[in-house]
């Protein structure tokens, strides 16, 4: 528990102090300014890292957390919400197809 809190706090502080320009540029795409432009994306990343750091219980919320971190990172790199959304949908669909094919291969007993 303490390790998860330390990881989340470290990620949050890194976002605020080291990646502040990227956080405000991402928040600017959604119309946020001032304190909220720095706080909201940093808090989302901190909460996502807190959820991902629970290595014993992985599930749907961890996938959503990875999507949050990935989308904020891609938005910071591209500054284009349409291109980011296209890449996220493409990634989710490709992983879904891979999971379905893997499940079918396991069910077929190696045929």
C-alpha atoms as a PDB file:
ATOM      1  CA  UNK A   1       0.000   0.000   0.000  1.00  0.00           C
ATOM      2  CA  UNK A   2       2.762   2.424   0.929  1.00  0.00           C
ATOM      3  CA  UNK A   3       4.618   1.593  -2.288  1.00  0.00           C
ATOM      4  CA  UNK A   4       1.542   2.406  -4.370  1.00  0.00           C
ATOM      5  CA  UNK A   5       1.155   5.760  -2.639  1.00  0.00           C
ATOM      6  CA  UNK A   6       4.860   6.524  -3.130  1.00  0.00           C
ATOM      7  CA  UNK A   7       4.670   5.646  -6.837  1.00  0.00           C
ATOM      8  CA  UNK A   8       1.545   7.763  -7.342  1.00  0.00           C
ATOM      9  CA  UNK A   9       3.007  10.717  -5.451  1.00  0.00           C
ATOM     10  CA  UNK A  10       6.246  10.487  -7.414  1.00  0.00           C
ATOM     11  CA  UNK A  11       4.369  10.442 -10.725  1.00  0.00           C
ATOM     12  CA  UNK A  12       2.193  13.366  -9.609  1.00  0.00           C
ATOM     13  CA  UNK A  13       5.185  15.460  -8.537  1.00  0.00           C
ATOM     14  CA  UNK A  14       7.062  14.629 -11.749  1.00  0.00           C
ATOM     15  CA  UNK A  15       4.072  15.792 -13.780  1.00  0.00           C
ATOM     16  CA  UNK A  16       3.811  19.049 -11.831  1.00  0.00           C
ATOM     17  CA  UNK A  17       7.481  20.004 -11.677  1.00  0.00           C
ATOM     18  CA  UNK A  18       9.229  18.296 -14.595  1.00  0.00           C
ATOM     19  CA  UNK A  19       6.488  17.865 -17.204  1.00  0.00           C
ATOM     20  CA  UNK A  20       4.507  21.015 -16.402  1.00  0.00           C
ATOM     21  CA  UNK A  21       4.727  22.347 -19.974  1.00  0.00           C
ATOM     22  CA  UNK A  22       3.345  19.104 -21.398  1.00  0.00           C
ATOM     23  CA  UNK A  23       0.551  18.983 -18.804  1.00  0.00           C
ATOM     24  CA  UNK A  24      -0.575  22.554 -19.500  1.00  0.00           C
ATOM     25  CA  UNK A  25      -0.445  22.021 -23.269  1.00  0.00           C
ATOM     26  CA  UNK A  26      -2.647  18.917 -22.959  1.00  0.00           C
ATOM     27  CA  UNK A  27      -5.086  20.741 -20.678  1.00  0.00           C
ATOM     28  CA  UNK A  28      -5.104  23.693 -23.074  1.00  0.00           C
ATOM     29  CA  UNK A  29      -6.528  21.410 -25.756  1.00  0.00           C
ATOM     30  CA  UNK A  30      -9.578  20.974 -23.527  1.00  0.00           C
ATOM     31  CA  UNK A  31      -9.901  24.648 -22.604  1.00  0.00           C
ATOM     32  CA  UNK A  32      -8.398  24.495 -19.114  1.00  0.00           C
ATOM     33  CA  UNK A  33      -6.194  27.340 -17.914  1.00  0.00           C
ATOM     34  CA  UNK A  34      -4.259  28.332 -14.836  1.00  0.00           C
ATOM     35  CA  UNK A  35      -4.134  26.021 -11.837  1.00  0.00           C
ATOM     36  CA  UNK A  36      -6.588  23.526 -13.331  1.00  0.00           C
ATOM     37  CA  UNK A  37      -4.474  23.111 -16.465  1.00  0.00           C
ATOM     38  CA  UNK A  38      -1.654  21.747 -14.357  1.00  0.00           C
ATOM     39  CA  UNK A  39      -3.658  19.965 -11.656  1.00  0.00           C
ATOM     40  CA  UNK A  40      -6.201  17.883 -13.623  1.00  0.00           C
ATOM     41  CA  UNK A  41      -3.860  15.984 -16.023  1.00  0.00           C
ATOM     42  CA  UNK A  42      -1.307  15.502 -13.235  1.00  0.00           C
ATOM     43  CA  UNK A  43      -3.973  14.154 -10.880  1.00  0.00           C
ATOM     44  CA  UNK A  44      -5.258  11.783 -13.579  1.00  0.00           C
ATOM     45  CA  UNK A  45      -1.771  10.404 -14.107  1.00  0.00           C
ATOM     46  CA  UNK A  46      -1.190  10.105 -10.362  1.00  0.00           C
ATOM     47  CA  UNK A  47      -4.435   8.190  -9.869  1.00  0.00           C
ATOM     48  CA  UNK A  48      -3.698   5.974 -12.875  1.00  0.00           C
ATOM     49  CA  UNK A  49      -0.241   5.125 -11.537  1.00  0.00           C
ATOM     50  CA  UNK A  50      -1.791   4.360  -8.140  1.00  0.00           C
ATOM     51  CA  UNK A  51      -4.178   1.893  -9.807  1.00  0.00           C
ATOM     52  CA  UNK A  52      -1.495   0.310 -12.016  1.00  0.00           C
ATOM     53  CA  UNK A  53       0.900  -0.137  -9.067  1.00  0.00           C
ATOM     54  CA  UNK A  54      -1.401  -2.761  -7.517  1.00  0.00           C
ATOM     55  CA  UNK A  55       0.337  -5.731  -9.097  1.00  0.00           C
ATOM     56  CA  UNK A  56      -1.756  -8.361  -7.303  1.00  0.00           C
ATOM     57  CA  UNK A  57      -5.157  -7.336  -8.694  1.00  0.00           C
ATOM     58  CA  UNK A  58      -5.170  -6.472 -12.372  1.00  0.00           C
ATOM     59  CA  UNK A  59      -8.309  -5.968 -14.398  1.00  0.00           C
ATOM     60  CA  UNK A  60     -10.369  -3.592 -16.471  1.00  0.00           C
ATOM     61  CA  UNK A  61      -9.487  -0.538 -14.390  1.00  0.00           C
ATOM     62  CA  UNK A  62      -5.808  -1.107 -15.037  1.00  0.00           C
ATOM     63  CA  UNK A  63      -6.460  -1.136 -18.773  1.00  0.00           C
ATOM     64  CA  UNK A  64      -8.373   2.128 -18.403  1.00  0.00           C
ATOM     65  CA  UNK A  65      -5.470   3.554 -16.407  1.00  0.00           C
ATOM     66  CA  UNK A  66      -3.016   2.612 -19.149  1.00  0.00           C
ATOM     67  CA  UNK A  67      -5.316   4.290 -21.686  1.00  0.00           C
ATOM     68  CA  UNK A  68      -5.374   7.475 -19.590  1.00  0.00           C
ATOM     69  CA  UNK A  69      -1.598   7.635 -19.273  1.00  0.00           C
ATOM     70  CA  UNK A  70      -1.122   6.754 -22.958  1.00  0.00           C
ATOM     71  CA  UNK A  71      -3.644   9.275 -24.196  1.00  0.00           C
ATOM     72  CA  UNK A  72      -2.161  12.110 -22.132  1.00  0.00           C
ATOM     73  CA  UNK A  73       1.328  11.191 -23.361  1.00  0.00           C
ATOM     74  CA  UNK A  74       0.180  11.052 -26.992  1.00  0.00           C
ATOM     75  CA  UNK A  75      -1.690  14.328 -26.671  1.00  0.00           C
ATOM     76  CA  UNK A  76       1.432  15.943 -25.236  1.00  0.00           C
ATOM     77  CA  UNK A  77       3.477  14.691 -28.190  1.00  0.00           C
ATOM     78  CA  UNK A  78       1.071  15.405 -31.042  1.00  0.00           C
ATOM     79  CA  UNK A  79      -1.256  18.183 -29.790  1.00  0.00           C
ATOM     80  CA  UNK A  80      -3.883  16.736 -32.122  1.00  0.00           C
ATOM     81  CA  UNK A  81      -6.912  15.155 -30.390  1.00  0.00           C
ATOM     82  CA  UNK A  82      -8.244  13.575 -33.604  1.00  0.00           C
ATOM     83  CA  UNK A  83      -4.981  11.794 -34.386  1.00  0.00           C
ATOM     84  CA  UNK A  84      -4.676  10.660 -30.773  1.00  0.00           C
ATOM     85  CA  UNK A  85      -8.197   9.259 -30.757  1.00  0.00           C
ATOM     86  CA  UNK A  86      -7.531   7.430 -34.031  1.00  0.00           C
ATOM     87  CA  UNK A  87      -4.372   5.838 -32.615  1.00  0.00           C
ATOM     88  CA  UNK A  88      -6.114   4.848 -29.370  1.00  0.00           C
ATOM     89  CA  UNK A  89      -9.004   3.187 -31.206  1.00  0.00           C
ATOM     90  CA  UNK A  90      -6.555   1.433 -33.521  1.00  0.00           C
ATOM     91  CA  UNK A  91      -4.571   0.129 -30.547  1.00  0.00           C
ATOM     92  CA  UNK A  92      -7.629  -1.041 -28.627  1.00  0.00           C
ATOM     93  CA  UNK A  93      -9.036  -2.858 -31.659  1.00  0.00           C
ATOM     94  CA  UNK A  94      -5.729  -4.564 -32.433  1.00  0.00           C
ATOM     95  CA  UNK A  95      -5.292  -5.750 -28.837  1.00  0.00           C
ATOM     96  CA  UNK A  96      -8.892  -6.970 -28.777  1.00  0.00           C
ATOM     97  CA  UNK A  97      -8.410  -8.981 -31.962  1.00  0.00           C
ATOM     98  CA  UNK A  98      -5.184 -10.438 -30.556  1.00  0.00           C
ATOM     99  CA  UNK A  99      -6.967 -11.434 -27.330  1.00  0.00           C
ATOM    100  CA  UNK A 100      -9.816 -13.086 -29.257  1.00  0.00           C
ATOM    101  CA  UNK A 101      -7.406 -15.011 -31.479  1.00  0.00           C
ATOM    102  CA  UNK A 102      -5.379 -16.089 -28.440  1.00  0.00           C
ATOM    103  CA  UNK A 103      -8.518 -17.307 -26.655  1.00  0.00           C
ATOM    104  CA  UNK A 104      -9.610 -19.238 -29.739  1.00  0.00           C
ATOM    105  CA  UNK A 105      -6.166 -20.822 -30.028  1.00  0.00           C
ATOM    106  CA  UNK A 106      -6.285 -21.921 -26.386  1.00  0.00           C
ATOM    107  CA  UNK A 107      -9.757 -23.336 -26.798  1.00  0.00           C
ATOM    108  CA  UNK A 108      -8.808 -25.330 -29.880  1.00  0.00           C
ATOM    109  CA  UNK A 109      -6.171 -27.390 -27.995  1.00  0.00           C
ATOM    110  CA  UNK A 110      -3.420 -26.515 -30.450  1.00  0.00           C
ATOM    111  CA  UNK A 111      -5.213 -27.536 -33.656  1.00  0.00           C
END
